[in-house]
Amino acid sequence: MQSAVDKLVNWSVSNHMNIKSQNTAETIRGPLSKQVISPVMISDQIVKQMTSFKLLGVTVSYSDGPISSF
């Protein structure tokens, strides 16, 4: 995972963009979410790990249970 983030950071630097690690978070879904994963780093700062996030006013969260119907 870290190598993919490093490539993204290098691409952003070469295109005169800046990724702010304090405004960045990661959310792991699927089978990987049950494993211990080392933290991702951007500019020597650890990226926050989140269990849920809000996108366009909708909170998206991950649980091990089935998807509930409304």
N, C-alpha and C. Protein backbone atom coordinates (compact mmCIF):
# COMPACT_ATOMS: atom_id res chain seq x y z
N MET A 1 0.82 -1.18 0.00
CA MET A 1 0.00 0.00 0.00
C MET A 1 0.87 1.25 0.00
N GLN A 2 1.95 1.21 0.77
CA GLN A 2 2.80 2.39 0.86
C GLN A 2 3.42 2.74 -0.49
N SER A 3 3.79 1.74 -1.27
CA SER A 3 4.42 2.03 -2.57
C SER A 3 3.44 2.75 -3.50
N ALA A 4 2.15 2.39 -3.44
CA ALA A 4 1.14 3.07 -4.26
C ALA A 4 0.98 4.53 -3.81
N VAL A 5 1.01 4.75 -2.51
CA VAL A 5 0.90 6.13 -1.98
C VAL A 5 2.13 6.94 -2.39
N ASP A 6 3.31 6.32 -2.33
CA ASP A 6 4.53 7.02 -2.73
C ASP A 6 4.47 7.43 -4.20
N LYS A 7 3.95 6.54 -5.05
CA LYS A 7 3.80 6.89 -6.47
C LYS A 7 2.84 8.06 -6.66
N LEU A 8 1.74 8.06 -5.91
CA LEU A 8 0.78 9.15 -5.98
C LEU A 8 1.41 10.47 -5.53
N VAL A 9 2.16 10.43 -4.44
CA VAL A 9 2.82 11.64 -3.93
C VAL A 9 3.84 12.15 -4.95
N ASN A 10 4.63 11.24 -5.55
CA ASN A 10 5.61 11.65 -6.56
C ASN A 10 4.93 12.26 -7.77
N TRP A 11 3.82 11.67 -8.20
CA TRP A 11 3.07 12.21 -9.33
C TRP A 11 2.54 13.61 -9.00
N SER A 12 2.01 13.77 -7.79
CA SER A 12 1.45 15.08 -7.43
C SER A 12 2.54 16.14 -7.35
N VAL A 13 3.70 15.78 -6.85
CA VAL A 13 4.81 16.74 -6.78
C VAL A 13 5.26 17.14 -8.19
N SER A 14 5.37 16.15 -9.09
CA SER A 14 5.82 16.47 -10.45
C SER A 14 4.77 17.28 -11.22
N ASN A 15 3.52 17.27 -10.76
CA ASN A 15 2.46 18.05 -11.39
C ASN A 15 2.09 19.28 -10.56
N HIS A 16 3.01 19.69 -9.68
CA HIS A 16 2.89 20.91 -8.89
C HIS A 16 1.64 20.92 -8.00
N MET A 17 1.34 19.76 -7.41
CA MET A 17 0.23 19.65 -6.45
C MET A 17 0.78 19.15 -5.12
N ASN A 18 0.06 19.45 -4.06
CA ASN A 18 0.50 19.07 -2.73
C ASN A 18 -0.59 18.25 -2.05
N ILE A 19 -0.22 17.10 -1.49
CA ILE A 19 -1.16 16.28 -0.71
C ILE A 19 -0.88 16.55 0.75
N LYS A 20 -1.87 17.06 1.46
CA LYS A 20 -1.70 17.37 2.87
C LYS A 20 -2.09 16.15 3.70
N SER A 21 -1.14 15.60 4.42
CA SER A 21 -1.41 14.39 5.20
C SER A 21 -2.41 14.64 6.32
N GLN A 22 -2.47 15.86 6.85
CA GLN A 22 -3.43 16.14 7.93
C GLN A 22 -4.86 16.18 7.43
N ASN A 23 -5.06 16.32 6.11
CA ASN A 23 -6.41 16.33 5.52
C ASN A 23 -6.72 15.03 4.79
N THR A 24 -5.90 14.01 4.99
CA THR A 24 -6.03 12.75 4.28
C THR A 24 -6.33 11.63 5.27
N ALA A 25 -7.19 10.69 4.85
CA ALA A 25 -7.52 9.54 5.70
C ALA A 25 -7.64 8.31 4.82
N GLU A 26 -7.48 7.14 5.42
CA GLU A 26 -7.65 5.89 4.69
C GLU A 26 -8.71 5.05 5.36
N THR A 27 -9.46 4.32 4.55
CA THR A 27 -10.46 3.39 5.03
C THR A 27 -10.23 2.07 4.31
N ILE A 28 -10.04 1.01 5.05
CA ILE A 28 -9.79 -0.31 4.48
C ILE A 28 -11.09 -1.09 4.49
N ARG A 29 -11.43 -1.71 3.36
CA ARG A 29 -12.66 -2.49 3.23
C ARG A 29 -12.33 -3.92 2.85
N GLY A 30 -13.26 -4.83 3.09
CA GLY A 30 -13.11 -6.21 2.66
C GLY A 30 -12.20 -7.02 3.57
N PRO A 31 -11.63 -8.11 3.04
CA PRO A 31 -10.83 -9.02 3.86
C PRO A 31 -9.61 -8.35 4.50
N LEU A 32 -9.04 -7.34 3.86
CA LEU A 32 -7.88 -6.66 4.43
C LEU A 32 -8.22 -5.94 5.74
N SER A 33 -9.49 -5.58 5.93
CA SER A 33 -9.86 -4.84 7.14
C SER A 33 -9.71 -5.68 8.40
N LYS A 34 -9.60 -6.99 8.26
CA LYS A 34 -9.45 -7.87 9.42
C LYS A 34 -8.00 -8.12 9.78
N GLN A 35 -7.08 -7.62 8.96
CA GLN A 35 -5.65 -7.81 9.20
C GLN A 35 -5.05 -6.56 9.82
N VAL A 36 -3.93 -6.76 10.50
CA VAL A 36 -3.18 -5.61 11.02
C VAL A 36 -2.35 -5.06 9.86
N ILE A 37 -2.60 -3.82 9.52
CA ILE A 37 -1.93 -3.19 8.38
C ILE A 37 -1.08 -2.03 8.91
N SER A 38 0.16 -1.98 8.44
CA SER A 38 1.02 -0.88 8.89
C SER A 38 0.49 0.44 8.34
N PRO A 39 0.65 1.51 9.11
CA PRO A 39 0.09 2.80 8.70
C PRO A 39 0.77 3.34 7.45
N VAL A 40 0.00 4.09 6.67
CA VAL A 40 0.50 4.74 5.46
C VAL A 40 1.09 6.09 5.87
N MET A 41 2.20 6.43 5.24
CA MET A 41 2.88 7.69 5.56
C MET A 41 2.89 8.61 4.35
N ILE A 42 2.67 9.90 4.60
CA ILE A 42 2.83 10.94 3.59
C ILE A 42 3.68 12.02 4.23
N SER A 43 4.82 12.33 3.62
CA SER A 43 5.74 13.35 4.14
C SER A 43 6.11 13.08 5.60
N ASP A 44 6.43 11.84 5.90
CA ASP A 44 6.84 11.40 7.24
C ASP A 44 5.77 11.60 8.30
N GLN A 45 4.51 11.69 7.90
CA GLN A 45 3.40 11.79 8.84
C GLN A 45 2.44 10.63 8.57
N ILE A 46 1.92 10.05 9.65
CA ILE A 46 1.00 8.92 9.52
C ILE A 46 -0.37 9.43 9.07
N VAL A 47 -0.97 8.73 8.10
CA VAL A 47 -2.31 9.05 7.60
C VAL A 47 -3.33 8.41 8.54
N LYS A 48 -4.37 9.16 8.91
CA LYS A 48 -5.40 8.65 9.82
C LYS A 48 -6.09 7.44 9.20
N GLN A 49 -6.42 6.47 10.06
CA GLN A 49 -7.22 5.32 9.62
C GLN A 49 -8.64 5.52 10.15
N MET A 50 -9.62 5.42 9.26
CA MET A 50 -11.01 5.67 9.62
C MET A 50 -11.83 4.39 9.43
N THR A 51 -12.90 4.25 10.22
CA THR A 51 -13.82 3.12 10.04
C THR A 51 -15.06 3.54 9.27
N SER A 52 -15.26 4.84 9.13
CA SER A 52 -16.39 5.36 8.35
C SER A 52 -16.02 6.73 7.80
N PHE A 53 -16.78 7.18 6.80
CA PHE A 53 -16.55 8.50 6.24
C PHE A 53 -17.86 9.03 5.68
N LYS A 54 -17.91 10.33 5.45
CA LYS A 54 -19.11 10.96 4.92
C LYS A 54 -18.83 11.41 3.49
N LEU A 55 -19.71 11.02 2.57
CA LEU A 55 -19.56 11.37 1.16
C LEU A 55 -20.89 11.90 0.66
N LEU A 56 -20.91 13.16 0.25
CA LEU A 56 -22.13 13.81 -0.24
C LEU A 56 -23.29 13.68 0.74
N GLY A 57 -22.99 13.82 2.03
CA GLY A 57 -24.02 13.79 3.06
C GLY A 57 -24.43 12.41 3.52
N VAL A 58 -23.81 11.36 2.96
CA VAL A 58 -24.15 9.99 3.34
C VAL A 58 -22.96 9.40 4.09
N THR A 59 -23.20 8.86 5.29
CA THR A 59 -22.14 8.22 6.06
C THR A 59 -21.98 6.79 5.59
N VAL A 60 -20.77 6.46 5.19
CA VAL A 60 -20.43 5.12 4.73
C VAL A 60 -19.59 4.46 5.81
N SER A 61 -20.02 3.30 6.30
CA SER A 61 -19.25 2.60 7.32
C SER A 61 -19.21 1.12 6.97
N TYR A 62 -18.26 0.43 7.54
CA TYR A 62 -18.07 -0.99 7.25
C TYR A 62 -18.39 -1.78 8.51
N SER A 63 -19.13 -2.87 8.33
CA SER A 63 -19.37 -3.79 9.44
C SER A 63 -19.24 -5.20 8.90
N ASP A 64 -19.04 -6.17 9.78
CA ASP A 64 -18.89 -7.55 9.36
C ASP A 64 -20.22 -8.21 9.06
N GLY A 65 -21.31 -7.58 9.44
CA GLY A 65 -22.63 -8.16 9.26
C GLY A 65 -23.18 -7.94 7.86
N PRO A 66 -24.34 -8.51 7.57
CA PRO A 66 -24.97 -8.33 6.25
C PRO A 66 -25.47 -6.90 6.07
N ILE A 67 -25.70 -6.53 4.84
CA ILE A 67 -26.23 -5.22 4.52
C ILE A 67 -27.71 -5.20 4.88
N SER A 68 -28.12 -4.20 5.61
CA SER A 68 -29.51 -4.09 6.03
C SER A 68 -30.33 -3.45 4.93
N SER A 69 -31.58 -3.85 4.82
CA SER A 69 -32.49 -3.21 3.87
C SER A 69 -33.34 -2.21 4.61
N PHE A 70 -33.83 -1.21 3.92
CA PHE A 70 -34.62 -0.16 4.55
C PHE A 70 -36.07 -0.55 4.63
